[in-house]
């Protein structure tokens, strides 16, 4: 998805009577007053956690197309936020459409409408969706669950049939790294939000 085109469409969809700003996180402190709508670009890890837990934060928009997994939706769901994500790649596995958020084609108009729909939800509806997201993260992507999957994969690799000399096989350590690194990445990314 062309993020610049999407940003422009979103900016144009803000009602004219609302004040909006588009800033990087470094520029926020210099704003004379906080606007009604703030588009933040290039958010640092430090600011991300504060934003995800912010009282005024209503959703996470995840625009990355064909991302293999994408930690952003998992972080938002761990913080009980509804997620709006492109309906491709990893979000199709992590986001449960209409339960923990919405999966939408990479079309700026559809995104703008989906954002309006989420903002039109009452607090209870958003809370239900947020709770479902957190439950999904804990059930499928928590450290404990990932460790069990990792352990099962290692046990399968080291089955009694091949246990004696598997470590001698070419590519064994590459296979372990291939299995271990995604779990480590998810664990490091989500433990901060739990």
N, C-alpha and C. Protein backbone atom coordinates (compact mmCIF):
# COMPACT_ATOMS: atom_id res chain seq x y z
N UNK A 1 0.85 -1.17 0.00
CA UNK A 1 0.00 0.00 0.00
C UNK A 1 0.89 1.23 0.00
N UNK A 2 0.50 2.22 -0.72
CA UNK A 2 1.24 3.47 -0.74
C UNK A 2 0.85 4.27 0.51
N UNK A 3 1.73 4.29 1.50
CA UNK A 3 1.42 4.95 2.77
C UNK A 3 1.18 6.45 2.61
N UNK A 4 1.88 7.08 1.68
CA UNK A 4 1.67 8.52 1.48
C UNK A 4 0.27 8.80 0.94
N UNK A 5 -0.17 7.97 0.02
CA UNK A 5 -1.52 8.13 -0.53
C UNK A 5 -2.58 7.88 0.55
N UNK A 6 -2.34 6.88 1.36
CA UNK A 6 -3.27 6.57 2.45
C UNK A 6 -3.30 7.71 3.46
N UNK A 7 -2.13 8.22 3.84
CA UNK A 7 -2.08 9.34 4.78
C UNK A 7 -2.84 10.54 4.24
N UNK A 8 -2.65 10.84 2.96
CA UNK A 8 -3.36 11.97 2.34
C UNK A 8 -4.87 11.77 2.40
N UNK A 9 -5.33 10.56 2.08
CA UNK A 9 -6.77 10.27 2.12
C UNK A 9 -7.31 10.39 3.54
N UNK A 10 -6.53 9.92 4.51
CA UNK A 10 -6.97 10.02 5.90
C UNK A 10 -7.01 11.48 6.35
N UNK A 11 -6.01 12.25 5.97
CA UNK A 11 -5.99 13.67 6.33
C UNK A 11 -7.20 14.40 5.72
N UNK A 12 -7.52 14.05 4.49
CA UNK A 12 -8.66 14.70 3.83
C UNK A 12 -9.99 14.28 4.43
N UNK A 13 -10.02 13.13 5.11
CA UNK A 13 -11.28 12.66 5.70
C UNK A 13 -11.57 13.28 7.07
N UNK A 14 -10.60 13.98 7.64
CA UNK A 14 -10.81 14.63 8.93
C UNK A 14 -11.77 15.81 8.72
N UNK A 15 -12.85 15.86 9.50
CA UNK A 15 -13.79 16.97 9.36
C UNK A 15 -13.09 18.32 9.47
N UNK A 16 -13.53 19.27 8.67
CA UNK A 16 -12.88 20.58 8.58
C UNK A 16 -12.88 21.35 9.90
N UNK A 17 -13.84 21.07 10.79
CA UNK A 17 -13.90 21.80 12.05
C UNK A 17 -12.93 21.26 13.10
N UNK A 18 -12.20 20.18 12.79
CA UNK A 18 -11.22 19.63 13.72
C UNK A 18 -9.82 20.08 13.32
N UNK A 19 -9.00 20.35 14.33
CA UNK A 19 -7.61 20.74 14.09
C UNK A 19 -6.78 19.47 13.96
N UNK A 20 -5.98 19.39 12.90
CA UNK A 20 -5.12 18.22 12.71
C UNK A 20 -3.69 18.65 12.48
N UNK A 21 -2.77 17.80 12.90
CA UNK A 21 -1.34 18.00 12.66
C UNK A 21 -0.73 16.69 12.23
N UNK A 22 0.32 16.76 11.41
CA UNK A 22 1.11 15.60 11.04
C UNK A 22 2.53 15.91 11.46
N UNK A 23 3.05 15.13 12.41
CA UNK A 23 4.36 15.40 12.99
C UNK A 23 5.14 14.11 13.18
N UNK A 24 6.45 14.26 13.32
CA UNK A 24 7.26 13.15 13.82
C UNK A 24 7.23 13.26 15.34
N UNK A 25 7.59 12.19 16.04
CA UNK A 25 7.52 12.23 17.50
C UNK A 25 8.46 13.28 18.08
N UNK A 26 9.54 13.60 17.38
CA UNK A 26 10.46 14.62 17.87
C UNK A 26 9.83 16.01 17.85
N UNK A 27 8.88 16.24 16.95
CA UNK A 27 8.26 17.55 16.80
C UNK A 27 7.05 17.78 17.70
N UNK A 28 6.55 16.73 18.35
CA UNK A 28 5.32 16.86 19.13
C UNK A 28 5.46 17.88 20.24
N UNK A 29 6.59 17.88 20.93
CA UNK A 29 6.80 18.83 22.03
C UNK A 29 6.75 20.27 21.59
N UNK A 30 7.03 20.54 20.32
CA UNK A 30 7.03 21.91 19.81
C UNK A 30 5.66 22.40 19.36
N UNK A 31 4.67 21.53 19.37
CA UNK A 31 3.32 21.94 18.95
C UNK A 31 2.74 22.90 19.98
N UNK A 32 2.12 23.98 19.48
CA UNK A 32 1.55 24.98 20.39
C UNK A 32 0.45 24.38 21.24
N UNK A 33 -0.38 23.57 20.65
CA UNK A 33 -1.42 22.86 21.41
C UNK A 33 -1.67 21.54 20.70
N UNK A 34 -2.17 20.58 21.46
CA UNK A 34 -2.45 19.28 20.86
C UNK A 34 -3.70 19.39 19.99
N UNK A 35 -3.63 18.86 18.80
CA UNK A 35 -4.77 18.94 17.88
C UNK A 35 -5.85 17.91 18.24
N UNK A 36 -6.97 18.01 17.55
CA UNK A 36 -8.03 17.01 17.71
C UNK A 36 -7.59 15.68 17.09
N UNK A 37 -6.88 15.77 15.97
CA UNK A 37 -6.38 14.58 15.26
C UNK A 37 -4.89 14.77 15.04
N UNK A 38 -4.11 13.77 15.46
CA UNK A 38 -2.66 13.85 15.32
C UNK A 38 -2.17 12.63 14.55
N UNK A 39 -1.52 12.87 13.43
CA UNK A 39 -0.89 11.80 12.65
C UNK A 39 0.59 11.81 13.01
N UNK A 40 1.06 10.74 13.66
CA UNK A 40 2.46 10.64 14.05
C UNK A 40 3.21 9.75 13.07
N UNK A 41 4.35 10.23 12.62
CA UNK A 41 5.19 9.49 11.69
C UNK A 41 6.45 9.02 12.42
N UNK A 42 6.92 7.84 12.11
CA UNK A 42 8.18 7.32 12.66
C UNK A 42 8.19 7.33 14.19
N UNK A 43 7.31 6.58 14.78
CA UNK A 43 7.18 6.53 16.24
C UNK A 43 8.29 5.66 16.83
N UNK A 44 8.98 6.19 17.83
CA UNK A 44 10.04 5.43 18.50
C UNK A 44 9.43 4.38 19.42
N UNK A 45 10.23 3.40 19.80
CA UNK A 45 9.77 2.34 20.71
C UNK A 45 9.30 2.94 22.03
N UNK A 46 10.02 3.93 22.51
CA UNK A 46 9.68 4.59 23.77
C UNK A 46 8.29 5.22 23.72
N UNK A 47 7.99 5.90 22.62
CA UNK A 47 6.69 6.56 22.49
C UNK A 47 5.57 5.57 22.16
N UNK A 48 5.93 4.47 21.52
CA UNK A 48 4.92 3.50 21.09
C UNK A 48 4.13 2.96 22.28
N UNK A 49 4.83 2.57 23.33
CA UNK A 49 4.15 2.00 24.50
C UNK A 49 3.21 3.02 25.13
N UNK A 50 3.66 4.26 25.24
CA UNK A 50 2.79 5.31 25.81
C UNK A 50 1.56 5.52 24.93
N UNK A 51 1.74 5.48 23.62
CA UNK A 51 0.61 5.66 22.71
C UNK A 51 -0.36 4.49 22.79
N UNK A 52 0.16 3.27 22.84
CA UNK A 52 -0.71 2.10 22.88
C UNK A 52 -1.55 2.06 24.15
N UNK A 53 -1.02 2.60 25.24
CA UNK A 53 -1.75 2.62 26.50
C UNK A 53 -2.48 3.95 26.73
N UNK A 54 -2.37 4.89 25.79
CA UNK A 54 -2.99 6.20 25.96
C UNK A 54 -4.51 6.12 26.02
N UNK A 55 -5.10 6.92 26.90
CA UNK A 55 -6.57 6.91 27.05
C UNK A 55 -7.28 7.33 25.78
N UNK A 56 -6.67 8.19 25.00
CA UNK A 56 -7.34 8.67 23.79
C UNK A 56 -7.08 7.78 22.57
N UNK A 57 -6.22 6.77 22.71
CA UNK A 57 -5.93 5.88 21.59
C UNK A 57 -7.09 4.91 21.40
N UNK A 58 -7.65 4.89 20.20
CA UNK A 58 -8.84 4.08 19.92
C UNK A 58 -8.56 2.86 19.06
N UNK A 59 -7.45 2.86 18.29
CA UNK A 59 -7.14 1.75 17.40
C UNK A 59 -5.70 1.83 16.95
N UNK A 60 -5.22 0.73 16.38
CA UNK A 60 -3.93 0.72 15.72
C UNK A 60 -4.19 0.47 14.25
N UNK A 61 -3.68 1.34 13.39
CA UNK A 61 -3.74 1.13 11.95
C UNK A 61 -2.42 0.55 11.48
N UNK A 62 -2.44 -0.64 10.90
CA UNK A 62 -1.22 -1.33 10.47
C UNK A 62 -1.27 -1.48 8.96
N UNK A 63 -0.49 -0.64 8.26
CA UNK A 63 -0.60 -0.55 6.81
C UNK A 63 0.39 -1.41 6.03
N UNK A 64 1.28 -2.11 6.72
CA UNK A 64 2.29 -2.91 6.01
C UNK A 64 1.63 -4.03 5.21
N UNK A 65 1.94 -4.07 3.92
CA UNK A 65 1.39 -5.12 3.05
C UNK A 65 2.36 -6.29 2.97
N UNK A 66 1.83 -7.50 2.97
CA UNK A 66 2.61 -8.73 2.83
C UNK A 66 3.72 -8.86 3.85
N UNK A 67 3.50 -8.35 5.03
CA UNK A 67 4.44 -8.51 6.14
C UNK A 67 4.37 -9.96 6.61
N UNK A 68 5.51 -10.58 6.88
CA UNK A 68 5.51 -11.99 7.26
C UNK A 68 4.72 -12.23 8.53
N UNK A 69 4.95 -11.47 9.56
CA UNK A 69 4.15 -11.60 10.78
C UNK A 69 3.69 -10.22 11.21
N UNK A 70 4.61 -9.34 11.47
CA UNK A 70 4.25 -8.01 11.91
C UNK A 70 3.94 -8.00 13.39
N UNK A 71 4.84 -7.44 14.18
CA UNK A 71 4.67 -7.43 15.62
C UNK A 71 3.68 -6.35 16.06
N UNK A 72 3.50 -5.30 15.25
CA UNK A 72 2.62 -4.19 15.62
C UNK A 72 1.21 -4.61 16.02
N UNK A 73 0.53 -5.41 15.22
CA UNK A 73 -0.82 -5.84 15.62
C UNK A 73 -0.82 -6.63 16.93
N UNK A 74 0.18 -7.47 17.15
CA UNK A 74 0.25 -8.23 18.40
C UNK A 74 0.45 -7.30 19.59
N UNK A 75 1.32 -6.30 19.44
CA UNK A 75 1.54 -5.34 20.52
C UNK A 75 0.25 -4.59 20.85
N UNK A 76 -0.45 -4.15 19.82
CA UNK A 76 -1.70 -3.42 20.04
C UNK A 76 -2.75 -4.30 20.71
N UNK A 77 -2.88 -5.54 20.24
CA UNK A 77 -3.87 -6.44 20.84
C UNK A 77 -3.50 -6.75 22.29
N UNK A 78 -2.20 -6.89 22.59
CA UNK A 78 -1.78 -7.12 23.97
C UNK A 78 -2.18 -5.94 24.86
N UNK A 79 -2.27 -4.76 24.27
CA UNK A 79 -2.69 -3.54 24.99
C UNK A 79 -4.19 -3.29 24.90
N UNK A 80 -4.92 -4.26 24.40
CA UNK A 80 -6.40 -4.20 24.30
C UNK A 80 -6.89 -3.13 23.32
N UNK A 81 -6.19 -2.99 22.22
CA UNK A 81 -6.63 -2.06 21.18
C UNK A 81 -7.16 -2.81 19.97
N UNK A 82 -8.27 -2.37 19.39
CA UNK A 82 -8.69 -2.94 18.11
C UNK A 82 -7.63 -2.63 17.04
N UNK A 83 -7.48 -3.55 16.10
CA UNK A 83 -6.46 -3.40 15.06
C UNK A 83 -7.14 -3.33 13.70
N UNK A 84 -6.72 -2.37 12.91
CA UNK A 84 -7.12 -2.26 11.51
C UNK A 84 -5.86 -2.57 10.71
N UNK A 85 -5.90 -3.63 9.90
CA UNK A 85 -4.70 -4.07 9.18
C UNK A 85 -5.05 -4.46 7.75
N UNK A 86 -4.03 -4.42 6.90
CA UNK A 86 -4.17 -4.85 5.51
C UNK A 86 -4.43 -6.36 5.51
N UNK A 87 -5.34 -6.79 4.66
CA UNK A 87 -5.73 -8.21 4.62
C UNK A 87 -4.77 -9.05 3.80
N UNK A 88 -3.49 -9.03 4.19
CA UNK A 88 -2.48 -9.86 3.54
C UNK A 88 -1.38 -10.16 4.55
N UNK A 89 -0.59 -11.18 4.25
CA UNK A 89 0.55 -11.50 5.09
C UNK A 89 0.18 -11.91 6.50
N UNK A 90 1.06 -11.59 7.43
CA UNK A 90 0.92 -11.99 8.82
C UNK A 90 -0.36 -11.55 9.52
N UNK A 91 -0.86 -10.33 9.28
CA UNK A 91 -2.09 -9.93 9.96
C UNK A 91 -3.27 -10.88 9.71
N UNK A 92 -3.26 -11.60 8.58
CA UNK A 92 -4.35 -12.57 8.35
C UNK A 92 -4.29 -13.70 9.38
N UNK A 93 -3.13 -13.93 9.95
CA UNK A 93 -3.00 -14.95 11.00
C UNK A 93 -3.19 -14.36 12.39
N UNK A 94 -2.71 -13.15 12.61
CA UNK A 94 -2.74 -12.59 13.96
C UNK A 94 -4.06 -11.88 14.29
N UNK A 95 -4.64 -11.19 13.33
CA UNK A 95 -5.88 -10.43 13.57
C UNK A 95 -7.08 -11.29 13.17
N UNK A 96 -8.01 -11.46 14.08
CA UNK A 96 -9.25 -12.19 13.78
C UNK A 96 -10.28 -11.16 13.31
N UNK A 97 -10.55 -11.18 12.00
CA UNK A 97 -11.41 -10.17 11.38
C UNK A 97 -12.78 -10.09 12.07
N UNK A 98 -13.17 -8.92 12.43
CA UNK A 98 -14.41 -8.52 13.12
C UNK A 98 -14.43 -8.94 14.59
N UNK A 99 -13.44 -9.69 15.06
CA UNK A 99 -13.40 -10.08 16.47
C UNK A 99 -12.36 -9.28 17.24
N UNK A 100 -11.13 -9.18 16.70
CA UNK A 100 -10.05 -8.43 17.36
C UNK A 100 -9.70 -7.17 16.60
N UNK A 101 -10.34 -6.97 15.48
CA UNK A 101 -10.09 -5.83 14.62
C UNK A 101 -10.68 -6.09 13.25
N UNK A 102 -10.13 -5.43 12.26
CA UNK A 102 -10.65 -5.57 10.90
C UNK A 102 -9.51 -5.71 9.92
N UNK A 103 -9.68 -6.62 8.96
CA UNK A 103 -8.75 -6.80 7.86
C UNK A 103 -9.37 -6.15 6.64
N UNK A 104 -8.64 -5.21 6.03
CA UNK A 104 -9.20 -4.38 4.97
C UNK A 104 -8.23 -4.38 3.78
N UNK A 105 -8.77 -4.39 2.55
CA UNK A 105 -7.89 -4.29 1.37
C UNK A 105 -7.08 -2.98 1.41
N UNK A 106 -5.95 -2.95 0.72
CA UNK A 106 -5.11 -1.75 0.72
C UNK A 106 -5.70 -0.64 -0.15
N UNK A 107 -6.82 -0.13 0.26
CA UNK A 107 -7.52 0.93 -0.47
C UNK A 107 -7.77 2.08 0.51
N UNK A 108 -7.24 3.28 0.23
CA UNK A 108 -7.37 4.40 1.18
C UNK A 108 -8.81 4.72 1.57
N UNK A 109 -9.74 4.65 0.64
CA UNK A 109 -11.13 4.97 0.97
C UNK A 109 -11.72 3.94 1.92
N UNK A 110 -11.40 2.66 1.71
CA UNK A 110 -11.90 1.61 2.60
C UNK A 110 -11.27 1.74 3.99
N UNK A 111 -10.01 2.16 4.01
CA UNK A 111 -9.36 2.39 5.30
C UNK A 111 -10.02 3.54 6.05
N UNK A 112 -10.24 4.61 5.34
CA UNK A 112 -10.88 5.78 5.98
C UNK A 112 -12.25 5.39 6.54
N UNK A 113 -13.02 4.62 5.77
CA UNK A 113 -14.34 4.20 6.24
C UNK A 113 -14.23 3.26 7.44
N UNK A 114 -13.26 2.36 7.42
CA UNK A 114 -13.07 1.44 8.54
C UNK A 114 -12.67 2.18 9.81
N UNK A 115 -11.84 3.19 9.66
CA UNK A 115 -11.45 4.00 10.83
C UNK A 115 -12.68 4.72 11.38
N UNK A 116 -13.48 5.28 10.48
CA UNK A 116 -14.71 5.95 10.94
C UNK A 116 -15.62 4.96 11.67
N UNK A 117 -15.72 3.73 11.17
CA UNK A 117 -16.56 2.71 11.81
C UNK A 117 -16.06 2.37 13.21
N UNK A 118 -14.75 2.22 13.36
CA UNK A 118 -14.19 1.91 14.69
C UNK A 118 -14.41 3.08 15.64
N UNK A 119 -14.20 4.29 15.15
CA UNK A 119 -14.39 5.46 16.01
C UNK A 119 -15.85 5.65 16.39
N UNK A 120 -16.76 5.13 15.57
CA UNK A 120 -18.20 5.23 15.87
C UNK A 120 -18.65 4.19 16.90
N UNK A 121 -17.81 3.20 17.18
CA UNK A 121 -18.16 2.19 18.19
C UNK A 121 -18.24 2.86 19.56
N UNK A 122 -19.11 2.33 20.41
CA UNK A 122 -19.13 2.85 21.78
C UNK A 122 -17.99 2.20 22.57
N UNK A 123 -17.73 2.71 23.77
CA UNK A 123 -16.61 2.22 24.57
C UNK A 123 -16.71 0.73 24.86
N UNK A 124 -17.91 0.24 25.10
CA UNK A 124 -18.09 -1.18 25.41
C UNK A 124 -17.74 -2.06 24.21
N UNK A 125 -18.14 -1.65 23.01
CA UNK A 125 -17.82 -2.43 21.81
C UNK A 125 -16.30 -2.47 21.58
N UNK A 126 -15.66 -1.30 21.73
CA UNK A 126 -14.20 -1.26 21.56
C UNK A 126 -13.51 -2.08 22.65
N UNK A 127 -14.02 -2.02 23.87
CA UNK A 127 -13.44 -2.79 24.97
C UNK A 127 -13.57 -4.29 24.71
N UNK A 128 -14.73 -4.73 24.20
CA UNK A 128 -14.92 -6.15 23.87
C UNK A 128 -13.91 -6.59 22.82
N UNK A 129 -13.74 -5.77 21.79
CA UNK A 129 -12.80 -6.10 20.73
C UNK A 129 -11.38 -6.12 21.29
N UNK A 130 -11.05 -5.15 22.14
CA UNK A 130 -9.72 -5.10 22.75
C UNK A 130 -9.46 -6.30 23.65
N UNK A 131 -10.46 -6.69 24.45
CA UNK A 131 -10.30 -7.87 25.31
C UNK A 131 -10.11 -9.13 24.49
N UNK A 132 -10.85 -9.25 23.39
CA UNK A 132 -10.70 -10.41 22.51
C UNK A 132 -9.30 -10.45 21.91
N UNK A 133 -8.75 -9.28 21.58
CA UNK A 133 -7.39 -9.21 21.05
C UNK A 133 -6.36 -9.66 22.07
N UNK A 134 -6.50 -9.17 23.29
CA UNK A 134 -5.55 -9.58 24.35
C UNK A 134 -5.64 -11.08 24.59
N UNK A 135 -6.87 -11.61 24.65
CA UNK A 135 -7.05 -13.05 24.84
C UNK A 135 -6.37 -13.83 23.72
N UNK A 136 -6.50 -13.34 22.49
CA UNK A 136 -5.89 -14.03 21.34
C UNK A 136 -4.36 -14.04 21.47
N UNK A 137 -3.79 -12.92 21.87
CA UNK A 137 -2.34 -12.86 22.05
C UNK A 137 -1.90 -13.85 23.12
N UNK A 138 -2.61 -13.87 24.24
CA UNK A 138 -2.23 -14.78 25.33
C UNK A 138 -2.41 -16.25 24.94
N UNK A 139 -3.46 -16.55 24.17
CA UNK A 139 -3.75 -17.94 23.79
C UNK A 139 -2.81 -18.46 22.70
N UNK A 140 -2.42 -17.59 21.77
CA UNK A 140 -1.66 -18.06 20.61
C UNK A 140 -0.23 -17.55 20.52
N UNK A 141 0.07 -16.41 21.14
CA UNK A 141 1.38 -15.79 20.91
C UNK A 141 2.13 -15.43 22.18
N UNK A 142 1.69 -15.92 23.34
CA UNK A 142 2.38 -15.61 24.59
C UNK A 142 3.72 -16.35 24.63
N UNK A 143 4.56 -15.93 25.53
CA UNK A 143 5.87 -16.56 25.68
C UNK A 143 5.71 -18.05 25.98
N UNK A 144 4.76 -18.38 26.86
CA UNK A 144 4.57 -19.77 27.25
C UNK A 144 4.12 -20.62 26.06
N UNK A 145 3.17 -20.11 25.30
CA UNK A 145 2.67 -20.85 24.13
C UNK A 145 3.77 -21.00 23.09
N UNK A 146 4.49 -19.93 22.83
CA UNK A 146 5.57 -20.00 21.85
C UNK A 146 6.66 -20.97 22.30
N UNK A 147 6.96 -20.99 23.60
CA UNK A 147 7.96 -21.91 24.12
C UNK A 147 7.50 -23.36 23.94
N UNK A 148 6.21 -23.63 24.17
CA UNK A 148 5.69 -24.99 23.97
C UNK A 148 5.79 -25.41 22.51
N UNK A 149 5.45 -24.49 21.60
CA UNK A 149 5.57 -24.80 20.16
C UNK A 149 7.03 -25.05 19.79
N UNK A 150 7.92 -24.23 20.32
CA UNK A 150 9.34 -24.38 20.05
C UNK A 150 9.83 -25.73 20.58
N UNK A 151 9.44 -26.05 21.81
CA UNK A 151 9.85 -27.33 22.41
C UNK A 151 9.33 -28.51 21.60
N UNK A 152 8.09 -28.42 21.15
CA UNK A 152 7.51 -29.50 20.34
C UNK A 152 8.27 -29.64 19.02
N UNK A 153 8.62 -28.52 18.41
CA UNK A 153 9.36 -28.57 17.14
C UNK A 153 10.74 -29.21 17.34
N UNK A 154 11.40 -28.85 18.43
CA UNK A 154 12.71 -29.44 18.72
C UNK A 154 12.57 -30.94 18.98
N UNK A 155 11.53 -31.33 19.73
CA UNK A 155 11.31 -32.76 19.99
C UNK A 155 11.06 -33.52 18.68
N UNK A 156 10.31 -32.91 17.78
CA UNK A 156 10.07 -33.55 16.48
C UNK A 156 11.37 -33.72 15.71
N UNK A 157 12.21 -32.70 15.76
CA UNK A 157 13.50 -32.77 15.05
C UNK A 157 14.39 -33.84 15.66
N UNK A 158 14.37 -33.92 16.98
CA UNK A 158 15.24 -34.86 17.68
C UNK A 158 14.54 -36.17 18.01
N UNK A 159 13.64 -36.59 17.17
CA UNK A 159 12.91 -37.84 17.41
C UNK A 159 13.90 -39.00 17.54
N UNK A 160 13.53 -40.05 18.27
CA UNK A 160 14.45 -41.18 18.52
C UNK A 160 15.05 -41.79 17.26
N UNK A 161 14.35 -41.73 16.16
CA UNK A 161 14.85 -42.33 14.93
C UNK A 161 16.14 -41.66 14.48
N UNK A 162 16.26 -40.34 14.67
CA UNK A 162 17.42 -39.61 14.14
C UNK A 162 18.25 -38.98 15.24
N UNK A 163 17.97 -39.26 16.46
CA UNK A 163 18.56 -38.56 17.59
C UNK A 163 20.08 -38.69 17.66
N UNK A 164 20.64 -39.80 17.25
CA UNK A 164 22.05 -40.07 17.49
C UNK A 164 23.00 -39.14 16.75
N UNK A 165 22.74 -38.83 15.50
CA UNK A 165 23.71 -38.03 14.75
C UNK A 165 23.09 -36.85 14.01
N UNK A 166 21.98 -36.39 14.47
CA UNK A 166 21.32 -35.27 13.80
C UNK A 166 22.19 -34.01 13.80
N UNK A 167 22.86 -33.75 14.89
CA UNK A 167 23.66 -32.54 14.99
C UNK A 167 24.80 -32.51 13.97
N UNK A 168 25.16 -33.68 13.44
CA UNK A 168 26.21 -33.75 12.43
C UNK A 168 25.72 -33.37 11.04
N UNK A 169 24.41 -33.39 10.85
CA UNK A 169 23.87 -33.11 9.52
C UNK A 169 24.05 -31.64 9.14
N UNK A 170 24.37 -31.45 7.86
CA UNK A 170 24.54 -30.10 7.34
C UNK A 170 23.21 -29.35 7.45
N UNK A 171 23.27 -28.13 7.95
CA UNK A 171 22.07 -27.30 8.04
C UNK A 171 21.29 -27.44 9.33
N UNK A 172 21.73 -28.33 10.24
CA UNK A 172 21.00 -28.52 11.49
C UNK A 172 20.92 -27.22 12.30
N UNK A 173 22.04 -26.54 12.44
CA UNK A 173 22.05 -25.31 13.25
C UNK A 173 21.31 -24.18 12.53
N UNK A 174 21.32 -24.20 11.22
CA UNK A 174 20.51 -23.22 10.47
C UNK A 174 19.03 -23.46 10.73
N UNK A 175 18.64 -24.71 10.77
CA UNK A 175 17.25 -25.05 11.06
C UNK A 175 16.86 -24.59 12.46
N UNK A 176 17.73 -24.83 13.43
CA UNK A 176 17.44 -24.37 14.79
C UNK A 176 17.30 -22.85 14.84
N UNK A 177 18.19 -22.14 14.16
CA UNK A 177 18.10 -20.68 14.13
C UNK A 177 16.82 -20.24 13.44
N UNK A 178 16.45 -20.92 12.37
CA UNK A 178 15.22 -20.59 11.65
C UNK A 178 14.00 -20.75 12.54
N UNK A 179 14.00 -21.75 13.38
CA UNK A 179 12.88 -21.99 14.30
C UNK A 179 12.95 -21.03 15.48
N UNK A 180 14.13 -20.84 16.04
CA UNK A 180 14.27 -20.09 17.28
C UNK A 180 14.12 -18.58 17.10
N UNK A 181 14.70 -18.00 16.07
CA UNK A 181 14.72 -16.55 15.92
C UNK A 181 13.34 -15.90 15.84
N UNK A 182 12.38 -16.44 15.09
CA UNK A 182 11.05 -15.81 15.11
C UNK A 182 10.41 -15.82 16.49
N UNK A 183 10.58 -16.91 17.23
CA UNK A 183 10.02 -16.97 18.58
C UNK A 183 10.70 -15.94 19.48
N UNK A 184 12.00 -15.80 19.35
CA UNK A 184 12.73 -14.83 20.15
C UNK A 184 12.27 -13.42 19.82
N UNK A 185 12.10 -13.13 18.54
CA UNK A 185 11.64 -11.81 18.11
C UNK A 185 10.27 -11.49 18.69
N UNK A 186 9.36 -12.42 18.62
CA UNK A 186 8.01 -12.21 19.17
C UNK A 186 8.08 -12.04 20.67
N UNK A 187 8.87 -12.86 21.33
CA UNK A 187 8.96 -12.79 22.78
C UNK A 187 9.52 -11.44 23.22
N UNK A 188 10.60 -10.99 22.60
CA UNK A 188 11.19 -9.71 22.95
C UNK A 188 10.22 -8.58 22.66
N UNK A 189 9.49 -8.66 21.56
CA UNK A 189 8.57 -7.59 21.20
C UNK A 189 7.34 -7.52 22.07
N UNK A 190 6.83 -8.66 22.54
CA UNK A 190 5.56 -8.62 23.28
C UNK A 190 5.73 -8.57 24.79
N UNK A 191 6.86 -8.94 25.34
CA UNK A 191 6.96 -8.96 26.81
C UNK A 191 6.80 -7.58 27.39
N UNK A 192 7.14 -6.54 26.64
CA UNK A 192 7.01 -5.17 27.13
C UNK A 192 5.56 -4.75 27.29
N UNK A 193 4.68 -5.41 26.57
CA UNK A 193 3.29 -4.96 26.53
C UNK A 193 2.39 -5.78 27.44
N UNK A 194 2.92 -6.79 28.05
CA UNK A 194 2.08 -7.66 28.89
C UNK A 194 1.88 -7.07 30.26
